[in-house]
Amino acid sequence: MKSVEKLKWLGTFFVLSGILLTNLNYYPMNIYLHGIGVIFWTLCGYLSKDKAILTNFGFQIPIFVFGIINFFLTK
């Protein structure tokens, strides 16, 4: 299996884990896991030169950064 395929599956695992934790209301762990998956998928989009994947997941990175900052500022 190619390294990009491994990154995709690992990214998928983290994204789905983050979604599950969101539904179980485990905050902020949901943001951390989903964010890791987003980083993996963004890297896959970059390595495979897939602009749709790169755009979708690349724009999610700042959203997760804002969520993490918001978590620590509202404590």
PDB file of N, CA and C in Angstrom:
ATOM      1  N   MET A   1       0.849  -1.180   0.000  1.00  0.00           N
ATOM      2  CA  MET A   1       0.000   0.000   0.000  1.00  0.00           C
ATOM      3  C   MET A   1       0.892   1.240   0.000  1.00  0.00           C
ATOM      4  N   LYS A   2       0.557   2.197  -0.830  1.00  0.00           N
ATOM      5  CA  LYS A   2       1.349   3.416  -0.932  1.00  0.00           C
ATOM      6  C   LYS A   2       1.188   4.263   0.334  1.00  0.00           C
ATOM      7  N   SER A   3       2.172   5.118   0.564  1.00  0.00           N
ATOM      8  CA  SER A   3       2.141   5.945   1.771  1.00  0.00           C
ATOM      9  C   SER A   3       0.957   6.915   1.762  1.00  0.00           C
ATOM     10  N   VAL A   4       0.556   7.404   0.583  1.00  0.00           N
ATOM     11  CA  VAL A   4      -0.597   8.304   0.512  1.00  0.00           C
ATOM     12  C   VAL A   4      -1.863   7.552   0.917  1.00  0.00           C
ATOM     13  N   GLU A   5      -1.987   6.304   0.494  1.00  0.00           N
ATOM     14  CA  GLU A   5      -3.155   5.500   0.871  1.00  0.00           C
ATOM     15  C   GLU A   5      -3.185   5.272   2.375  1.00  0.00           C
ATOM     16  N   LYS A   6      -2.032   5.028   2.975  1.00  0.00           N
ATOM     17  CA  LYS A   6      -1.971   4.856   4.429  1.00  0.00           C
ATOM     18  C   LYS A   6      -2.378   6.135   5.146  1.00  0.00           C
ATOM     19  N   LEU A   7      -1.920   7.283   4.628  1.00  0.00           N
ATOM     20  CA  LEU A   7      -2.309   8.567   5.222  1.00  0.00           C
ATOM     21  C   LEU A   7      -3.814   8.786   5.119  1.00  0.00           C
ATOM     22  N   LYS A   8      -4.397   8.398   3.987  1.00  0.00           N
ATOM     23  CA  LYS A   8      -5.843   8.549   3.807  1.00  0.00           C
ATOM     24  C   LYS A   8      -6.609   7.728   4.841  1.00  0.00           C
ATOM     25  N   TRP A   9      -6.207   6.480   5.035  1.00  0.00           N
ATOM     26  CA  TRP A   9      -6.910   5.627   5.988  1.00  0.00           C
ATOM     27  C   TRP A   9      -6.699   6.099   7.416  1.00  0.00           C
ATOM     28  N   LEU A  10      -5.495   6.538   7.728  1.00  0.00           N
ATOM     29  CA  LEU A  10      -5.231   7.059   9.064  1.00  0.00           C
ATOM     30  C   LEU A  10      -6.023   8.347   9.284  1.00  0.00           C
ATOM     31  N   GLY A  11      -6.036   9.216   8.286  1.00  0.00           N
ATOM     32  CA  GLY A  11      -6.816  10.447   8.368  1.00  0.00           C
ATOM     33  C   GLY A  11      -8.302  10.162   8.524  1.00  0.00           C
ATOM     34  N   THR A  12      -8.795   9.172   7.792  1.00  0.00           N
ATOM     35  CA  THR A  12     -10.194   8.786   7.896  1.00  0.00           C
ATOM     36  C   THR A  12     -10.527   8.300   9.295  1.00  0.00           C
ATOM     37  N   PHE A  13      -9.639   7.505   9.877  1.00  0.00           N
ATOM     38  CA  PHE A  13      -9.839   7.017  11.243  1.00  0.00           C
ATOM     39  C   PHE A  13      -9.964   8.189  12.218  1.00  0.00           C
ATOM     40  N   PHE A  14      -9.058   9.164  12.116  1.00  0.00           N
ATOM     41  CA  PHE A  14      -9.077  10.293  13.037  1.00  0.00           C
ATOM     42  C   PHE A  14     -10.299  11.191  12.814  1.00  0.00           C
ATOM     43  N   VAL A  15     -10.664  11.424  11.565  1.00  0.00           N
ATOM     44  CA  VAL A  15     -11.842  12.252  11.278  1.00  0.00           C
ATOM     45  C   VAL A  15     -13.104  11.586  11.836  1.00  0.00           C
ATOM     46  N   LEU A  16     -13.265  10.304  11.574  1.00  0.00           N
ATOM     47  CA  LEU A  16     -14.453   9.604  12.068  1.00  0.00           C
ATOM     48  C   LEU A  16     -14.459   9.501  13.592  1.00  0.00           C
ATOM     49  N   SER A  17     -13.288   9.336  14.187  1.00  0.00           N
ATOM     50  CA  SER A  17     -13.192   9.318  15.655  1.00  0.00           C
ATOM     51  C   SER A  17     -13.594  10.672  16.225  1.00  0.00           C
ATOM     52  N   GLY A  18     -13.161  11.732  15.573  1.00  0.00           N
ATOM     53  CA  GLY A  18     -13.539  13.072  16.012  1.00  0.00           C
ATOM     54  C   GLY A  18     -15.034  13.308  15.894  1.00  0.00           C
ATOM     55  N   ILE A  19     -15.634  12.819  14.822  1.00  0.00           N
ATOM     56  CA  ILE A  19     -17.080  12.958  14.648  1.00  0.00           C
ATOM     57  C   ILE A  19     -17.819  12.172  15.725  1.00  0.00           C
ATOM     58  N   LEU A  20     -17.353  10.964  16.007  1.00  0.00           N
ATOM     59  CA  LEU A  20     -17.965  10.151  17.065  1.00  0.00           C
ATOM     60  C   LEU A  20     -17.884  10.879  18.405  1.00  0.00           C
ATOM     61  N   LEU A  21     -16.710  11.410  18.731  1.00  0.00           N
ATOM     62  CA  LEU A  21     -16.553  12.115  20.001  1.00  0.00           C
ATOM     63  C   LEU A  21     -17.395  13.383  20.050  1.00  0.00           C
ATOM     64  N   THR A  22     -17.623  14.025  18.912  1.00  0.00           N
ATOM     65  CA  THR A  22     -18.519  15.180  18.875  1.00  0.00           C
ATOM     66  C   THR A  22     -19.935  14.758  19.254  1.00  0.00           C
ATOM     67  N   ASN A  23     -20.381  13.639  18.700  1.00  0.00           N
ATOM     68  CA  ASN A  23     -21.723  13.151  19.015  1.00  0.00           C
ATOM     69  C   ASN A  23     -21.852  12.672  20.456  1.00  0.00           C
ATOM     70  N   LEU A  24     -20.734  12.264  21.059  1.00  0.00           N
ATOM     71  CA  LEU A  24     -20.736  11.853  22.461  1.00  0.00           C
ATOM     72  C   LEU A  24     -20.400  13.018  23.394  1.00  0.00           C
ATOM     73  N   ASN A  25     -20.208  14.196  22.815  1.00  0.00           N
ATOM     74  CA  ASN A  25     -19.925  15.436  23.537  1.00  0.00           C
ATOM     75  C   ASN A  25     -18.624  15.370  24.348  1.00  0.00           C
ATOM     76  N   TYR A  26     -17.590  14.797  23.769  1.00  0.00           N
ATOM     77  CA  TYR A  26     -16.261  14.784  24.382  1.00  0.00           C
ATOM     78  C   TYR A  26     -15.440  15.926  23.797  1.00  0.00           C
ATOM     79  N   TYR A  27     -15.566  17.067  24.448  1.00  0.00           N
ATOM     80  CA  TYR A  27     -14.913  18.285  23.989  1.00  0.00           C
ATOM     81  C   TYR A  27     -13.765  18.596  24.928  1.00  0.00           C
ATOM     82  N   PRO A  28     -12.595  18.911  24.501  1.00  0.00           N
ATOM     83  CA  PRO A  28     -12.082  19.247  23.185  1.00  0.00           C
ATOM     84  C   PRO A  28     -11.400  18.082  22.460  1.00  0.00           C
ATOM     85  N   MET A  29     -11.449  16.862  23.032  1.00  0.00           N
ATOM     86  CA  MET A  29     -10.774  15.735  22.378  1.00  0.00           C
ATOM     87  C   MET A  29     -11.295  15.530  20.964  1.00  0.00           C
ATOM     88  N   ASN A  30     -12.568  15.818  20.727  1.00  0.00           N
ATOM     89  CA  ASN A  30     -13.121  15.686  19.380  1.00  0.00           C
ATOM     90  C   ASN A  30     -12.393  16.592  18.392  1.00  0.00           C
ATOM     91  N   ILE A  31     -12.077  17.812  18.829  1.00  0.00           N
ATOM     92  CA  ILE A  31     -11.390  18.756  17.944  1.00  0.00           C
ATOM     93  C   ILE A  31      -9.970  18.282  17.661  1.00  0.00           C
ATOM     94  N   TYR A  32      -9.296  17.777  18.684  1.00  0.00           N
ATOM     95  CA  TYR A  32      -7.920  17.312  18.490  1.00  0.00           C
ATOM     96  C   TYR A  32      -7.859  16.160  17.495  1.00  0.00           C
ATOM     97  N   LEU A  33      -8.702  15.140  17.700  1.00  0.00           N
ATOM     98  CA  LEU A  33      -8.652  13.971  16.806  1.00  0.00           C
ATOM     99  C   LEU A  33      -9.095  14.323  15.391  1.00  0.00           C
ATOM    100  N   HIS A  34     -10.179  15.056  15.284  1.00  0.00           N
ATOM    101  CA  HIS A  34     -10.648  15.451  13.952  1.00  0.00           C
ATOM    102  C   HIS A  34      -9.597  16.324  13.272  1.00  0.00           C
ATOM    103  N   GLY A  35      -8.966  17.205  14.039  1.00  0.00           N
ATOM    104  CA  GLY A  35      -7.922  18.080  13.489  1.00  0.00           C
ATOM    105  C   GLY A  35      -6.722  17.308  12.963  1.00  0.00           C
ATOM    106  N   ILE A  36      -6.338  16.257  13.671  1.00  0.00           N
ATOM    107  CA  ILE A  36      -5.234  15.413  13.198  1.00  0.00           C
ATOM    108  C   ILE A  36      -5.612  14.769  11.866  1.00  0.00           C
ATOM    109  N   GLY A  37      -6.844  14.270  11.776  1.00  0.00           N
ATOM    110  CA  GLY A  37      -7.310  13.678  10.524  1.00  0.00           C
ATOM    111  C   GLY A  37      -7.330  14.684   9.388  1.00  0.00           C
ATOM    112  N   VAL A  38      -7.719  15.900   9.690  1.00  0.00           N
ATOM    113  CA  VAL A  38      -7.752  16.964   8.682  1.00  0.00           C
ATOM    114  C   VAL A  38      -6.334  17.263   8.183  1.00  0.00           C
ATOM    115  N   ILE A  39      -5.371  17.280   9.088  1.00  0.00           N
ATOM    116  CA  ILE A  39      -3.982  17.515   8.683  1.00  0.00           C
ATOM    117  C   ILE A  39      -3.494  16.390   7.764  1.00  0.00           C
ATOM    118  N   PHE A  40      -3.823  15.138   8.118  1.00  0.00           N
ATOM    119  CA  PHE A  40      -3.426  14.015   7.257  1.00  0.00           C
ATOM    120  C   PHE A  40      -4.060  14.126   5.874  1.00  0.00           C
ATOM    121  N   TRP A  41      -5.352  14.459   5.835  1.00  0.00           N
ATOM    122  CA  TRP A  41      -6.033  14.574   4.553  1.00  0.00           C
ATOM    123  C   TRP A  41      -5.516  15.753   3.736  1.00  0.00           C
ATOM    124  N   THR A  42      -5.170  16.850   4.402  1.00  0.00           N
ATOM    125  CA  THR A  42      -4.587  17.990   3.692  1.00  0.00           C
ATOM    126  C   THR A  42      -3.258  17.591   3.072  1.00  0.00           C
ATOM    127  N   LEU A  43      -2.453  16.853   3.820  1.00  0.00           N
ATOM    128  CA  LEU A  43      -1.172  16.361   3.307  1.00  0.00           C
ATOM    129  C   LEU A  43      -1.396  15.439   2.106  1.00  0.00           C
ATOM    130  N   CYS A  44      -2.409  14.586   2.173  1.00  0.00           N
ATOM    131  CA  CYS A  44      -2.731  13.713   1.034  1.00  0.00           C
ATOM    132  C   CYS A  44      -3.106  14.527  -0.196  1.00  0.00           C
ATOM    133  N   GLY A  45      -3.898  15.553  -0.002  1.00  0.00           N
ATOM    134  CA  GLY A  45      -4.288  16.417  -1.118  1.00  0.00           C
ATOM    135  C   GLY A  45      -3.090  17.106  -1.731  1.00  0.00           C
ATOM    136  N   TYR A  46      -2.169  17.538  -0.885  1.00  0.00           N
ATOM    137  CA  TYR A  46      -0.952  18.191  -1.377  1.00  0.00           C
ATOM    138  C   TYR A  46      -0.075  17.202  -2.144  1.00  0.00           C
ATOM    139  N   LEU A  47       0.155  16.012  -1.571  1.00  0.00           N
ATOM    140  CA  LEU A  47       1.029  15.022  -2.207  1.00  0.00           C
ATOM    141  C   LEU A  47       0.459  14.495  -3.524  1.00  0.00           C
ATOM    142  N   SER A  48      -0.858  14.354  -3.584  1.00  0.00           N
ATOM    143  CA  SER A  48      -1.476  13.839  -4.808  1.00  0.00           C
ATOM    144  C   SER A  48      -1.924  14.952  -5.754  1.00  0.00           C
ATOM    145  N   LYS A  49      -1.665  16.208  -5.362  1.00  0.00           N
ATOM    146  CA  LYS A  49      -2.041  17.375  -6.171  1.00  0.00           C
ATOM    147  C   LYS A  49      -3.540  17.397  -6.475  1.00  0.00           C
ATOM    148  N   ASP A  50      -4.334  16.975  -5.480  1.00  0.00           N
ATOM    149  CA  ASP A  50      -5.791  16.963  -5.602  1.00  0.00           C
ATOM    150  C   ASP A  50      -6.324  18.242  -4.972  1.00  0.00           C
ATOM    151  N   LYS A  51      -6.681  19.187  -5.807  1.00  0.00           N
ATOM    152  CA  LYS A  51      -7.086  20.509  -5.328  1.00  0.00           C
ATOM    153  C   LYS A  51      -8.394  20.477  -4.546  1.00  0.00           C
ATOM    154  N   ALA A  52      -9.300  19.582  -4.889  1.00  0.00           N
ATOM    155  CA  ALA A  52     -10.566  19.502  -4.158  1.00  0.00           C
ATOM    156  C   ALA A  52     -10.334  19.056  -2.709  1.00  0.00           C
ATOM    157  N   ILE A  53      -9.521  18.014  -2.531  1.00  0.00           N
ATOM    158  CA  ILE A  53      -9.203  17.545  -1.173  1.00  0.00           C
ATOM    159  C   ILE A  53      -8.417  18.605  -0.423  1.00  0.00           C
ATOM    160  N   LEU A  54      -7.449  19.195  -1.088  1.00  0.00           N
ATOM    161  CA  LEU A  54      -6.620  20.230  -0.459  1.00  0.00           C
ATOM    162  C   LEU A  54      -7.477  21.419  -0.015  1.00  0.00           C
ATOM    163  N   THR A  55      -8.415  21.830  -0.838  1.00  0.00           N
ATOM    164  CA  THR A  55      -9.286  22.948  -0.494  1.00  0.00           C
ATOM    165  C   THR A  55     -10.207  22.590   0.672  1.00  0.00           C
ATOM    166  N   ASN A  56     -10.864  21.443   0.565  1.00  0.00           N
ATOM    167  CA  ASN A  56     -11.809  21.029   1.600  1.00  0.00           C
ATOM    168  C   ASN A  56     -11.132  20.931   2.965  1.00  0.00           C
ATOM    169  N   PHE A  57     -10.082  20.158   3.048  1.00  0.00           N
ATOM    170  CA  PHE A  57      -9.459  19.918   4.342  1.00  0.00           C
ATOM    171  C   PHE A  57      -8.525  21.051   4.749  1.00  0.00           C
ATOM    172  N   GLY A  58      -7.916  21.717   3.787  1.00  0.00           N
ATOM    173  CA  GLY A  58      -7.029  22.835   4.107  1.00  0.00           C
ATOM    174  C   GLY A  58      -7.756  23.975   4.802  1.00  0.00           C
ATOM    175  N   PHE A  59      -8.995  24.249   4.374  1.00  0.00           N
ATOM    176  CA  PHE A  59      -9.766  25.311   5.011  1.00  0.00           C
ATOM    177  C   PHE A  59     -10.329  24.896   6.371  1.00  0.00           C
ATOM    178  N   GLN A  60     -10.316  23.609   6.662  1.00  0.00           N
ATOM    179  CA  GLN A  60     -10.773  23.167   7.979  1.00  0.00           C
ATOM    180  C   GLN A  60      -9.722  23.414   9.064  1.00  0.00           C
ATOM    181  N   ILE A  61      -8.456  23.481   8.676  1.00  0.00           N
ATOM    182  CA  ILE A  61      -7.389  23.670   9.665  1.00  0.00           C
ATOM    183  C   ILE A  61      -7.595  24.938  10.482  1.00  0.00           C
ATOM    184  N   PRO A  62      -7.811  26.116   9.861  1.00  0.00           N
ATOM    185  CA  PRO A  62      -8.024  27.301  10.699  1.00  0.00           C
ATOM    186  C   PRO A  62      -9.293  27.219  11.549  1.00  0.00           C
ATOM    187  N   ILE A  63     -10.298  26.501  11.074  1.00  0.00           N
ATOM    188  CA  ILE A  63     -11.522  26.347  11.865  1.00  0.00           C
ATOM    189  C   ILE A  63     -11.211  25.594  13.157  1.00  0.00           C
ATOM    190  N   PHE A  64     -10.415  24.541  13.061  1.00  0.00           N
ATOM    191  CA  PHE A  64     -10.040  23.791  14.257  1.00  0.00           C
ATOM    192  C   PHE A  64      -9.119  24.605  15.161  1.00  0.00           C
ATOM    193  N   VAL A  65      -8.244  25.393  14.575  1.00  0.00           N
ATOM    194  CA  VAL A  65      -7.371  26.262  15.379  1.00  0.00           C
ATOM    195  C   VAL A  65      -8.225  27.245  16.173  1.00  0.00           C
ATOM    196  N   PHE A  66      -9.234  27.843  15.534  1.00  0.00           N
ATOM    197  CA  PHE A  66     -10.134  28.759  16.241  1.00  0.00           C
ATOM    198  C   PHE A  66     -10.880  28.045  17.366  1.00  0.00           C
ATOM    199  N   GLY A  67     -11.296  26.809  17.119  1.00  0.00           N
ATOM    200  CA  GLY A  67     -11.988  26.034  18.155  1.00  0.00           C
ATOM    201  C   GLY A  67     -11.099  25.758  19.352  1.00  0.00           C
ATOM    202  N   ILE A  68      -9.843  25.413  19.095  1.00  0.00           N
ATOM    203  CA  ILE A  68      -8.908  25.147  20.191  1.00  0.00           C
ATOM    204  C   ILE A  68      -8.622  26.434  20.959  1.00  0.00           C
ATOM    205  N   ILE A  69      -8.396  27.531  20.243  1.00  0.00           N
ATOM    206  CA  ILE A  69      -8.155  28.822  20.914  1.00  0.00           C
ATOM    207  C   ILE A  69      -9.373  29.211  21.745  1.00  0.00           C
ATOM    208  N   ASN A  70     -10.565  29.054  21.188  1.00  0.00           N
ATOM    209  CA  ASN A  70     -11.780  29.379  21.912  1.00  0.00           C
ATOM    210  C   ASN A  70     -11.917  28.547  23.179  1.00  0.00           C
ATOM    211  N   PHE A  71     -11.557  27.274  23.113  1.00  0.00           N
ATOM    212  CA  PHE A  71     -11.634  26.405  24.281  1.00  0.00           C
ATOM    213  C   PHE A  71     -10.760  26.938  25.407  1.00  0.00           C
ATOM    214  N   PHE A  72      -9.534  27.336  25.082  1.00  0.00           N
ATOM    215  CA  PHE A  72      -8.621  27.779  26.124  1.00  0.00           C
ATOM    216  C   PHE A  72      -8.923  29.197  26.608  1.00  0.00           C
ATOM    217  N   LEU A  73      -9.513  30.033  25.765  1.00  0.00           N
ATOM    218  CA  LEU A  73      -9.851  31.394  26.185  1.00  0.00           C
ATOM    219  C   LEU A  73     -11.106  31.455  27.043  1.00  0.00           C
ATOM    220  N   THR A  74     -11.985  30.479  26.914  1.00  0.00           N
ATOM    221  CA  THR A  74     -13.232  30.502  27.672  1.00  0.00           C
ATOM    222  C   THR A  74     -13.153  29.680  28.950  1.00  0.00           C
ATOM    223  N   LYS A  75     -11.993  29.152  29.272  1.00  0.00           N
ATOM    224  CA  LYS A  75     -11.836  28.369  30.514  1.00  0.00           C
ATOM    225  C   LYS A  75     -11.779  29.259  31.707  1.00  0.00           C
TER     226      LYS A  75
END
